């Protein structure tokens, strides 16, 4: 009986400790989160983000983009905790990316990825909605002028392709194929020989 009472007292004490830590960090207190062992109250946002990226079913190219955001976050703040993600943190990270020479639209892309995983943390009750920093921070995009190649420039590429190394030739062939068919590169790399039909 005494052993059971001691066990129960220790268990309640541990729950109270966890609840106090969650309260200090601004997490919404819930039975689901108290019972969760997926993320302890000492886990960082970076661990959470890495786990979520690994579990996602995103396309390989999209995964690479999300991992690149994670790497930049790790460089900027190696042990980033949930409680440290504030409006000031977002502004500082934005400035950090700007000083690294990233284009405004690329910075917004990385911030969009960060926002996605913070929203996911809110849905999993790991971050308090009351402290949501993206309420104040706005993603900023700028209009960009996209140029295009003239028919003469495309013809020049066709002429130089045969004299290049095999790898470079493949890249130019693929680029020209996309230009002439209107396919996106991500679609063009999926094309197989079975997809072609000989007409007349």
Protein backbone atom coordinates (compact mmCIF):
# COMPACT_ATOMS: atom_id res chain seq x y z
CA UNK A 1 0.00 0.00 0.00
CA UNK A 2 2.81 2.42 0.93
CA UNK A 3 4.66 1.60 -2.31
CA UNK A 4 1.54 2.30 -4.35
CA UNK A 5 1.00 5.62 -2.54
CA UNK A 6 4.63 6.61 -3.24
CA UNK A 7 4.25 5.64 -6.90
CA UNK A 8 1.04 7.68 -7.23
CA UNK A 9 2.64 10.68 -5.49
CA UNK A 10 5.65 10.54 -7.85
CA UNK A 11 3.35 10.21 -10.87
CA UNK A 12 1.23 13.22 -9.83
CA UNK A 13 4.39 15.20 -9.07
CA UNK A 14 5.77 14.47 -12.55
CA UNK A 15 2.49 15.53 -14.18
CA UNK A 16 2.48 18.76 -12.17
CA UNK A 17 6.10 19.46 -13.19
CA UNK A 18 5.25 18.90 -16.85
CA UNK A 19 2.12 21.06 -16.58
CA UNK A 20 4.13 23.88 -14.96
CA UNK A 21 6.76 23.74 -17.73
CA UNK A 22 4.05 23.80 -20.38
CA UNK A 23 2.37 26.74 -18.69
CA UNK A 24 5.65 28.70 -18.54
CA UNK A 25 6.24 28.09 -22.23
CA UNK A 26 2.72 29.18 -23.14
CA UNK A 27 1.48 25.77 -24.32
CA UNK A 28 -2.25 25.17 -24.00
CA UNK A 29 -2.71 22.62 -21.20
CA UNK A 30 -4.55 19.52 -22.35
CA UNK A 31 -4.74 15.87 -21.33
CA UNK A 32 -3.69 14.87 -24.87
CA UNK A 33 -0.45 16.87 -24.62
CA UNK A 34 0.27 15.70 -21.07
CA UNK A 35 -0.04 12.09 -22.22
CA UNK A 36 1.98 12.69 -25.40
CA UNK A 37 5.46 11.21 -25.48
CA UNK A 38 6.15 12.23 -29.05
CA UNK A 39 7.72 15.52 -27.93
CA UNK A 40 8.96 16.17 -24.41
CA UNK A 41 8.75 19.62 -22.90
CA UNK A 42 12.50 20.01 -23.56
CA UNK A 43 12.33 19.25 -27.31
CA UNK A 44 13.19 22.02 -29.72
CA UNK A 45 11.12 23.31 -32.58
CA UNK A 46 13.88 22.07 -34.91
CA UNK A 47 13.43 18.46 -33.71
CA UNK A 48 9.69 18.79 -34.23
CA UNK A 49 10.15 20.26 -37.73
CA UNK A 50 12.69 17.59 -38.74
CA UNK A 51 10.34 14.80 -37.58
CA UNK A 52 7.38 16.30 -39.42
CA UNK A 53 9.34 16.74 -42.67
CA UNK A 54 10.54 13.12 -42.43
CA UNK A 55 6.95 11.88 -41.93
CA UNK A 56 5.44 13.96 -44.73
CA UNK A 57 4.54 12.64 -48.18
CA UNK A 58 5.72 15.72 -50.07
CA UNK A 59 7.40 15.49 -53.47
CA UNK A 60 11.18 15.09 -53.38
CA UNK A 61 11.79 18.61 -54.73
CA UNK A 62 9.44 20.12 -52.13
CA UNK A 63 11.11 18.09 -49.38
CA UNK A 64 14.48 19.53 -50.40
CA UNK A 65 13.05 23.04 -50.10
CA UNK A 66 11.68 22.33 -46.62
CA UNK A 67 14.99 20.79 -45.52
CA UNK A 68 16.83 23.86 -46.81
CA UNK A 69 14.66 26.04 -44.53
CA UNK A 70 15.42 23.71 -41.61
CA UNK A 71 19.18 23.95 -42.30
CA UNK A 72 19.02 27.76 -42.35
CA UNK A 73 17.10 27.77 -39.07
CA UNK A 74 19.71 25.46 -37.52
CA UNK A 75 22.49 27.79 -38.67
CA UNK A 76 20.69 30.84 -37.30
CA UNK A 77 19.57 29.33 -33.96
CA UNK A 78 20.95 25.81 -33.33
CA UNK A 79 18.71 25.00 -30.32
CA UNK A 80 15.52 26.82 -31.26
CA UNK A 81 12.76 26.19 -28.71
CA UNK A 82 9.05 26.74 -29.35
CA UNK A 83 8.96 29.55 -26.80
CA UNK A 84 11.67 31.47 -28.70
CA UNK A 85 9.59 31.82 -31.87
CA UNK A 86 8.31 35.36 -31.48
CA UNK A 87 7.67 38.29 -33.80
CA UNK A 88 11.19 39.58 -33.00
CA UNK A 89 12.65 36.18 -33.87
CA UNK A 90 10.89 36.23 -37.27
CA UNK A 91 12.24 39.73 -37.99
CA UNK A 92 15.77 38.70 -36.96
CA UNK A 93 15.64 35.54 -39.11
CA UNK A 94 14.33 37.62 -42.04
CA UNK A 95 17.26 40.02 -41.61
CA UNK A 96 19.72 37.11 -41.33
CA UNK A 97 18.53 35.68 -44.67
CA UNK A 98 18.69 39.12 -46.25
CA UNK A 99 22.32 39.55 -45.12
CA UNK A 100 23.14 36.15 -46.62
CA UNK A 101 22.08 37.64 -49.96
CA UNK A 102 18.76 35.85 -50.46
CA UNK A 103 16.18 37.46 -52.76
CA UNK A 104 13.06 38.87 -51.09
CA UNK A 105 10.83 36.16 -52.63
CA UNK A 106 13.20 33.38 -51.50
CA UNK A 107 13.12 34.77 -47.94
CA UNK A 108 9.31 34.73 -48.05
CA UNK A 109 9.39 31.12 -49.27
CA UNK A 110 11.49 30.09 -46.24
CA UNK A 111 9.22 32.05 -43.89
CA UNK A 112 6.21 30.32 -45.45
CA UNK A 113 7.77 26.93 -44.64
CA UNK A 114 8.41 28.04 -41.05
CA UNK A 115 4.79 29.21 -40.80
CA UNK A 116 3.53 25.84 -42.05
CA UNK A 117 5.30 23.90 -39.29
CA UNK A 118 4.34 26.41 -36.61
CA UNK A 119 0.68 26.00 -37.67
CA UNK A 120 1.16 22.23 -37.44
CA UNK A 121 2.57 22.62 -33.92
CA UNK A 122 -0.52 24.65 -32.97
CA UNK A 123 -2.79 21.93 -34.36
CA UNK A 124 -0.87 19.37 -32.27
CA UNK A 125 -1.23 21.65 -29.22
CA UNK A 126 2.52 22.15 -28.91
CA UNK A 127 2.41 25.91 -29.41
CA UNK A 128 -0.02 28.46 -28.02
CA UNK A 129 -2.27 30.21 -30.54
CA UNK A 130 -2.15 33.29 -28.28
CA UNK A 131 1.57 33.63 -29.02
CA UNK A 132 1.26 33.14 -32.80
CA UNK A 133 3.90 35.54 -34.26
CA UNK A 134 2.67 35.43 -37.86
CA UNK A 135 -0.30 37.53 -36.80
CA UNK A 136 2.02 40.55 -36.89
CA UNK A 137 4.61 39.37 -39.40
CA UNK A 138 3.58 39.62 -43.06
CA UNK A 139 5.13 37.64 -45.92
CA UNK A 140 6.43 40.09 -48.51
CA UNK A 141 6.79 39.30 -52.20
CA UNK A 142 8.06 41.52 -55.01
CA UNK A 143 7.11 41.42 -58.67
CA UNK A 144 9.89 40.03 -60.83
CA UNK A 145 10.47 40.54 -64.53
CA UNK A 146 10.75 37.14 -66.21
CA UNK A 147 12.64 37.26 -69.47
CA UNK A 148 12.32 34.81 -72.33
CA UNK A 149 14.62 33.47 -75.02
CA UNK A 150 14.12 34.48 -78.63
CA UNK A 151 13.81 31.86 -81.41
CA UNK A 152 17.34 32.83 -82.51
CA UNK A 153 18.74 32.17 -79.01
CA UNK A 154 17.00 28.79 -78.86
CA UNK A 155 18.47 27.94 -82.26
CA UNK A 156 21.96 28.84 -80.99
CA UNK A 157 21.47 26.42 -78.08
CA UNK A 158 20.49 23.70 -80.55
CA UNK A 159 23.71 24.30 -82.49
CA UNK A 160 26.08 24.19 -79.52
CA UNK A 161 24.45 21.20 -77.79
CA UNK A 162 26.09 18.49 -79.98
CA UNK A 163 29.64 19.71 -79.24
CA UNK A 164 29.24 19.76 -75.45
CA UNK A 165 30.02 17.03 -72.93
CA UNK A 166 27.35 14.35 -72.61
CA UNK A 167 25.99 15.69 -69.29
CA UNK A 168 25.77 19.30 -70.46
CA UNK A 169 24.19 18.15 -73.73
CA UNK A 170 21.48 16.28 -71.80
CA UNK A 171 20.72 19.37 -69.72
CA UNK A 172 20.35 21.58 -72.82
CA UNK A 173 18.28 18.92 -74.61
CA UNK A 174 15.95 18.73 -71.61
CA UNK A 175 15.72 22.52 -71.42
CA UNK A 176 14.89 22.79 -75.14
CA UNK A 177 12.34 19.97 -74.81
CA UNK A 178 10.59 21.95 -72.05
CA UNK A 179 10.69 25.13 -74.15
CA UNK A 180 9.16 23.50 -77.22
CA UNK A 181 6.53 21.39 -75.41
CA UNK A 182 5.58 23.85 -72.66
CA UNK A 183 6.12 21.16 -70.00
CA UNK A 184 7.40 22.12 -66.55
CA UNK A 185 10.77 20.61 -65.70
CA UNK A 186 9.22 18.52 -62.88
CA UNK A 187 6.82 16.99 -65.46
CA UNK A 188 9.47 16.57 -68.15
CA UNK A 189 11.71 14.43 -65.91
CA UNK A 190 8.79 12.01 -65.48
CA UNK A 191 8.43 11.42 -69.24
CA UNK A 192 9.24 7.86 -70.38
CA UNK A 193 9.67 6.43 -73.88
CA UNK A 194 6.25 4.73 -73.53
CA UNK A 195 4.64 8.18 -73.33
CA UNK A 196 5.50 8.96 -76.97
CA UNK A 197 3.23 8.01 -79.87
CA UNK A 198 4.35 7.98 -83.47
CA UNK A 199 1.81 9.76 -85.69
CA UNK A 200 2.00 9.38 -89.50
